[in-house]
């Protein structure tokens, strides 16, 4: 069996070249505050991959996605080892666009901090009198630039995305900026509505898009996972305070309370995180997580 090496490693993902396609492996690594923690979270990568598959299938009516297969039998022998099963996705090669497309439907996190300070989120003025975790009148698009590993992403205005995309694609900056915003809002609205019916609130999320060989805009990377989104339980939701969540918030909170941890998590925090990820998967898909 030929040993393969990733051509690119992110905080959580490894990307392998497979000739005319790519294979993305979601590892069990977990990152917080742009740092990769020392622990792994068992089966986390499988939840991320299978959840992305679920959402890609659900949103094909809005735009195409990069997924070709999550069945390792369709991939080189190297990926048929147990450690890759369920975590690997074979994808179309895309030319990724240099914008992280963030959409917020509720006010929380850094958005809430900014609003308390000056009534805006990423330069967008919001109505007065909002409480923490309030639903926004309409979802807002707050893009950022994609940072290299180790750097922080930087929030940018919509006009700045036009400028960045114009520089990369002369004559098409306006077109791409507009279509990214439209797709981001449309995807969020459809999926947030679906999730609400299943008892989960999607407070915010981020998407990444690329161009396929025909120059069409396609959604890539991961989609609506607990790593790229804030999921809250609908039951017990009440504005005016922070919400319990199905994502890394658990880990974030523990790290904030234990600044000297050197990014080593206790076993119980890992177990609770895994349980939360699986619970979100089962609730959203209606299927048992049996990987």
Protein backbone atom coordinates (compact mmCIF):
# COMPACT_ATOMS: atom_id res chain seq x y z
CA UNK A 1 0.00 0.00 0.00
CA UNK A 2 1.32 3.40 -0.98
CA UNK A 3 1.84 5.74 1.98
CA UNK A 4 0.32 9.15 1.22
CA UNK A 5 1.27 12.51 2.70
CA UNK A 6 -1.10 15.46 2.95
CA UNK A 7 -0.36 18.36 0.60
CA UNK A 8 -1.91 20.75 3.09
CA UNK A 9 -2.65 20.57 6.81
CA UNK A 10 -5.00 22.92 8.57
CA UNK A 11 -5.80 23.08 12.26
CA UNK A 12 -8.23 20.19 11.95
CA UNK A 13 -8.13 19.00 8.33
CA UNK A 14 -5.61 17.20 6.17
CA UNK A 15 -5.87 17.47 2.40
CA UNK A 16 -4.46 14.84 0.03
CA UNK A 17 -4.02 15.11 -3.72
CA UNK A 18 -5.85 12.35 -5.56
CA UNK A 19 -5.10 13.29 -9.16
CA UNK A 20 -8.24 14.96 -10.49
CA UNK A 21 -9.81 15.15 -7.02
CA UNK A 22 -8.82 15.89 -3.42
CA UNK A 23 -9.41 13.86 -0.29
CA UNK A 24 -10.19 15.85 2.81
CA UNK A 25 -9.76 14.11 6.13
CA UNK A 26 -11.32 15.68 9.22
CA UNK A 27 -9.01 14.60 12.06
CA UNK A 28 -9.99 14.32 15.72
CA UNK A 29 -7.86 17.37 16.54
CA UNK A 30 -9.63 20.30 18.13
CA UNK A 31 -8.59 23.95 17.93
CA UNK A 32 -9.66 26.85 20.08
CA UNK A 33 -8.67 30.52 19.93
CA UNK A 34 -6.64 29.58 16.80
CA UNK A 35 -4.52 27.10 18.81
CA UNK A 36 -4.49 23.32 18.25
CA UNK A 37 -5.07 21.64 21.60
CA UNK A 38 -2.97 18.73 22.84
CA UNK A 39 -5.91 16.33 23.11
CA UNK A 40 -7.84 14.57 20.38
CA UNK A 41 -11.61 14.20 20.55
CA UNK A 42 -12.56 10.66 19.50
CA UNK A 43 -14.91 10.45 16.48
CA UNK A 44 -15.07 14.22 16.15
CA UNK A 45 -13.70 14.04 12.60
CA UNK A 46 -16.39 11.53 11.66
CA UNK A 47 -19.16 13.79 12.98
CA UNK A 48 -17.77 16.74 10.98
CA UNK A 49 -17.52 14.75 7.73
CA UNK A 50 -20.92 13.07 8.00
CA UNK A 51 -22.63 16.28 9.04
CA UNK A 52 -21.14 18.17 6.09
CA UNK A 53 -22.38 15.40 3.80
CA UNK A 54 -25.88 15.78 5.24
CA UNK A 55 -25.97 19.55 4.61
CA UNK A 56 -24.37 19.31 1.16
CA UNK A 57 -27.14 16.89 0.15
CA UNK A 58 -29.82 19.13 1.65
CA UNK A 59 -28.71 22.29 -0.17
CA UNK A 60 -27.98 21.01 -3.68
CA UNK A 61 -31.06 22.92 -4.86
CA UNK A 62 -29.35 26.22 -3.92
CA UNK A 63 -25.89 25.62 -5.36
CA UNK A 64 -23.49 22.77 -6.19
CA UNK A 65 -20.96 21.51 -3.62
CA UNK A 66 -17.54 19.92 -3.88
CA UNK A 67 -18.43 16.48 -2.45
CA UNK A 68 -17.91 13.42 -4.65
CA UNK A 69 -18.02 10.59 -2.08
CA UNK A 70 -17.60 9.76 1.62
CA UNK A 71 -17.22 6.04 0.90
CA UNK A 72 -13.56 5.08 1.38
CA UNK A 73 -14.05 2.23 -1.13
CA UNK A 74 -14.11 4.95 -3.80
CA UNK A 75 -10.70 6.19 -2.60
CA UNK A 76 -7.14 4.86 -2.83
CA UNK A 77 -6.29 1.87 -0.62
CA UNK A 78 -4.46 4.12 1.85
CA UNK A 79 -7.81 5.59 3.00
CA UNK A 80 -9.35 2.18 3.55
CA UNK A 81 -7.58 1.92 6.90
CA UNK A 82 -9.96 2.08 9.83
CA UNK A 83 -8.63 5.43 11.01
CA UNK A 84 -9.84 7.14 7.83
CA UNK A 85 -13.24 5.46 7.52
CA UNK A 86 -16.08 7.93 8.04
CA UNK A 87 -13.71 10.92 8.29
CA UNK A 88 -12.70 11.19 4.64
CA UNK A 89 -14.45 13.02 1.84
CA UNK A 90 -13.40 12.87 -1.80
CA UNK A 91 -13.97 16.31 -3.33
CA UNK A 92 -13.74 18.19 -6.60
CA UNK A 93 -10.73 20.43 -6.91
CA UNK A 94 -11.78 24.06 -6.58
CA UNK A 95 -10.01 27.37 -6.79
CA UNK A 96 -10.98 28.68 -3.35
CA UNK A 97 -12.11 32.29 -3.07
CA UNK A 98 -10.15 34.31 -0.46
CA UNK A 99 -13.15 35.22 1.74
CA UNK A 100 -14.61 33.48 4.79
CA UNK A 101 -18.35 34.00 4.47
CA UNK A 102 -19.80 34.45 7.95
CA UNK A 103 -23.50 34.88 8.63
CA UNK A 104 -25.06 35.73 11.98
CA UNK A 105 -28.71 35.18 12.78
CA UNK A 106 -28.40 35.88 16.52
CA UNK A 107 -26.24 38.28 18.49
CA UNK A 108 -23.58 36.52 20.54
CA UNK A 109 -19.84 36.13 21.05
CA UNK A 110 -17.63 38.85 19.56
CA UNK A 111 -20.71 40.35 17.86
CA UNK A 112 -22.38 40.93 21.22
CA UNK A 113 -19.19 42.48 22.68
CA UNK A 114 -18.98 44.88 19.75
CA UNK A 115 -22.69 45.77 19.91
CA UNK A 116 -22.46 46.63 23.63
CA UNK A 117 -19.59 48.96 22.82
CA UNK A 118 -21.04 50.90 19.88
CA UNK A 119 -24.26 49.32 18.59
CA UNK A 120 -22.62 47.72 15.57
CA UNK A 121 -21.37 44.30 14.51
CA UNK A 122 -18.54 44.32 11.96
CA UNK A 123 -19.51 47.86 10.96
CA UNK A 124 -23.22 47.04 10.53
CA UNK A 125 -25.51 49.19 12.68
CA UNK A 126 -28.15 47.13 14.48
CA UNK A 127 -31.40 48.21 16.17
CA UNK A 128 -31.12 49.58 19.70
CA UNK A 129 -32.11 47.56 22.73
CA UNK A 130 -30.99 44.09 21.64
CA UNK A 131 -30.19 41.62 24.41
CA UNK A 132 -27.48 38.97 24.37
CA UNK A 133 -28.50 35.98 22.19
CA UNK A 134 -31.41 37.90 20.63
CA UNK A 135 -32.52 36.84 17.17
CA UNK A 136 -31.62 39.55 14.65
CA UNK A 137 -34.43 41.05 12.52
CA UNK A 138 -32.61 39.62 9.47
CA UNK A 139 -29.42 37.54 9.24
CA UNK A 140 -26.32 39.72 8.68
CA UNK A 141 -23.33 38.95 6.47
CA UNK A 142 -20.01 39.68 8.20
CA UNK A 143 -17.19 38.34 6.01
CA UNK A 144 -13.55 37.98 7.02
CA UNK A 145 -10.27 37.36 5.26
CA UNK A 146 -8.75 33.89 5.40
CA UNK A 147 -5.69 33.86 7.63
CA UNK A 148 -2.70 31.59 7.26
CA UNK A 149 -2.22 28.93 9.93
CA UNK A 150 -1.27 30.66 13.18
CA UNK A 151 -2.79 34.02 12.22
CA UNK A 152 -6.23 35.36 13.13
CA UNK A 153 -8.88 35.94 10.48
CA UNK A 154 -9.70 39.61 10.06
CA UNK A 155 -13.25 40.95 9.78
CA UNK A 156 -13.74 43.09 6.68
CA UNK A 157 -16.59 45.17 5.27
CA UNK A 158 -18.60 44.04 2.24
CA UNK A 159 -16.89 46.78 0.17
CA UNK A 160 -13.51 45.41 1.18
CA UNK A 161 -14.53 41.95 -0.14
CA UNK A 162 -15.33 43.60 -3.49
CA UNK A 163 -11.83 45.10 -3.47
CA UNK A 164 -10.11 41.80 -2.49
CA UNK A 165 -12.02 39.81 -5.12
CA UNK A 166 -11.51 42.49 -7.79
CA UNK A 167 -7.77 42.26 -7.21
CA UNK A 168 -7.86 38.47 -7.62
CA UNK A 169 -10.39 38.46 -10.49
CA UNK A 170 -10.25 41.75 -12.43
CA UNK A 171 -13.67 42.84 -13.64
CA UNK A 172 -15.49 40.32 -11.46
CA UNK A 173 -15.06 41.70 -7.93
CA UNK A 174 -18.60 43.04 -7.65
CA UNK A 175 -20.13 39.92 -9.15
CA UNK A 176 -18.33 37.47 -6.86
CA UNK A 177 -18.78 39.61 -3.73
CA UNK A 178 -22.51 39.84 -4.37
CA UNK A 179 -23.01 36.15 -5.18
CA UNK A 180 -21.06 35.07 -2.07
CA UNK A 181 -23.27 37.25 0.10
CA UNK A 182 -26.46 35.99 -1.56
CA UNK A 183 -25.50 32.33 -1.32
CA UNK A 184 -24.38 32.73 2.30
CA UNK A 185 -27.70 34.26 3.38
CA UNK A 186 -29.80 31.79 1.32
CA UNK A 187 -27.97 28.76 2.69
CA UNK A 188 -28.23 30.04 6.24
CA UNK A 189 -31.96 30.79 5.97
CA UNK A 190 -32.82 27.37 4.57
CA UNK A 191 -30.66 25.43 7.03
CA UNK A 192 -31.57 27.53 10.09
CA UNK A 193 -35.24 26.95 9.36
CA UNK A 194 -34.64 23.20 8.96
CA UNK A 195 -32.59 23.03 12.19
CA UNK A 196 -35.22 25.02 14.15
CA UNK A 197 -37.79 22.34 13.25
CA UNK A 198 -35.37 19.75 14.66
CA UNK A 199 -34.94 21.67 17.92
CA UNK A 200 -31.61 23.36 17.17
CA UNK A 201 -30.87 27.05 16.71
CA UNK A 202 -28.02 27.90 14.34
CA UNK A 203 -26.82 31.19 15.83
CA UNK A 204 -24.07 31.79 13.27
CA UNK A 205 -21.88 29.89 10.84
CA UNK A 206 -19.24 30.32 8.18
CA UNK A 207 -19.04 29.01 4.63
CA UNK A 208 -16.20 28.82 2.13
CA UNK A 209 -16.70 28.89 -1.61
CA UNK A 210 -14.55 28.16 -4.63
CA UNK A 211 -14.74 28.04 -8.42
CA UNK A 212 -14.99 24.78 -10.33
CA UNK A 213 -13.50 24.13 -13.79
CA UNK A 214 -16.47 25.86 -15.45
CA UNK A 215 -15.99 28.93 -13.24
CA UNK A 216 -19.17 28.23 -11.27
CA UNK A 217 -19.29 29.17 -7.59
CA UNK A 218 -19.39 25.97 -5.52
CA UNK A 219 -19.50 25.49 -1.75
CA UNK A 220 -16.39 23.73 -0.41
CA UNK A 221 -14.62 22.95 2.84
CA UNK A 222 -17.05 21.91 5.62
CA UNK A 223 -20.65 22.90 6.08
CA UNK A 224 -22.66 23.67 9.21
CA UNK A 225 -20.65 21.54 11.61
CA UNK A 226 -20.18 22.23 15.32
CA UNK A 227 -16.69 23.47 14.36
CA UNK A 228 -17.85 26.11 11.91
CA UNK A 229 -21.12 27.06 13.61
CA UNK A 230 -22.76 27.88 16.91
CA UNK A 231 -25.59 25.46 17.63
CA UNK A 232 -27.90 26.06 20.58
CA UNK A 233 -30.73 23.88 21.87
CA UNK A 234 -34.10 25.46 21.02
CA UNK A 235 -35.53 24.14 24.27
CA UNK A 236 -34.78 26.56 27.07
CA UNK A 237 -33.63 29.29 24.66
CA UNK A 238 -34.06 32.69 26.23
CA UNK A 239 -32.46 35.95 25.15
CA UNK A 240 -30.67 38.06 27.76
CA UNK A 241 -27.91 35.56 28.56
CA UNK A 242 -25.41 33.20 26.97
CA UNK A 243 -26.82 29.88 25.71
CA UNK A 244 -25.62 26.32 26.29
CA UNK A 245 -24.29 24.94 23.00
CA UNK A 246 -23.46 21.87 20.95
CA UNK A 247 -20.09 23.08 19.82
CA UNK A 248 -16.63 23.98 21.06
CA UNK A 249 -18.06 26.52 23.50
CA UNK A 250 -17.70 23.91 26.20
CA UNK A 251 -13.97 23.72 25.53
CA UNK A 252 -13.67 27.50 25.15
CA UNK A 253 -15.33 28.09 28.51
CA UNK A 254 -13.10 25.56 30.27
CA UNK A 255 -9.95 27.08 28.76
CA UNK A 256 -11.01 30.58 29.84
CA UNK A 257 -11.55 29.33 33.39
CA UNK A 258 -8.21 27.48 33.38
CA UNK A 259 -5.70 29.86 31.77
CA UNK A 260 -2.73 27.80 33.00
CA UNK A 261 -3.91 24.53 31.42
CA UNK A 262 -1.30 24.76 28.64
CA UNK A 263 -4.09 23.57 26.32
CA UNK A 264 -4.44 20.15 27.98
CA UNK A 265 -8.07 19.23 28.53
CA UNK A 266 -9.27 16.83 31.22
CA UNK A 267 -10.92 13.61 30.02
CA UNK A 268 -14.37 14.66 31.22
CA UNK A 269 -14.33 17.82 29.05
CA UNK A 270 -13.38 15.68 26.04
CA UNK A 271 -16.15 13.16 26.77
CA UNK A 272 -18.75 15.90 27.11
CA UNK A 273 -17.56 17.54 23.88
CA UNK A 274 -17.84 14.26 21.93
CA UNK A 275 -21.30 13.62 23.39
CA UNK A 276 -22.42 17.11 22.33
CA UNK A 277 -21.14 16.66 18.76
CA UNK A 278 -22.92 13.30 18.41
CA UNK A 279 -26.12 14.66 19.91
CA UNK A 280 -26.17 17.51 17.38
CA UNK A 281 -25.64 15.04 14.53
CA UNK A 282 -28.45 12.74 15.64
CA UNK A 283 -30.88 15.56 16.30
CA UNK A 284 -30.30 17.25 12.95
CA UNK A 285 -30.16 14.19 10.72
CA UNK A 286 -32.66 12.02 12.58
CA UNK A 287 -30.18 9.15 12.23
CA UNK A 288 -28.28 7.29 14.88
CA UNK A 289 -24.55 8.02 14.94
CA UNK A 290 -23.17 4.50 14.59
CA UNK A 291 -19.67 4.90 13.19
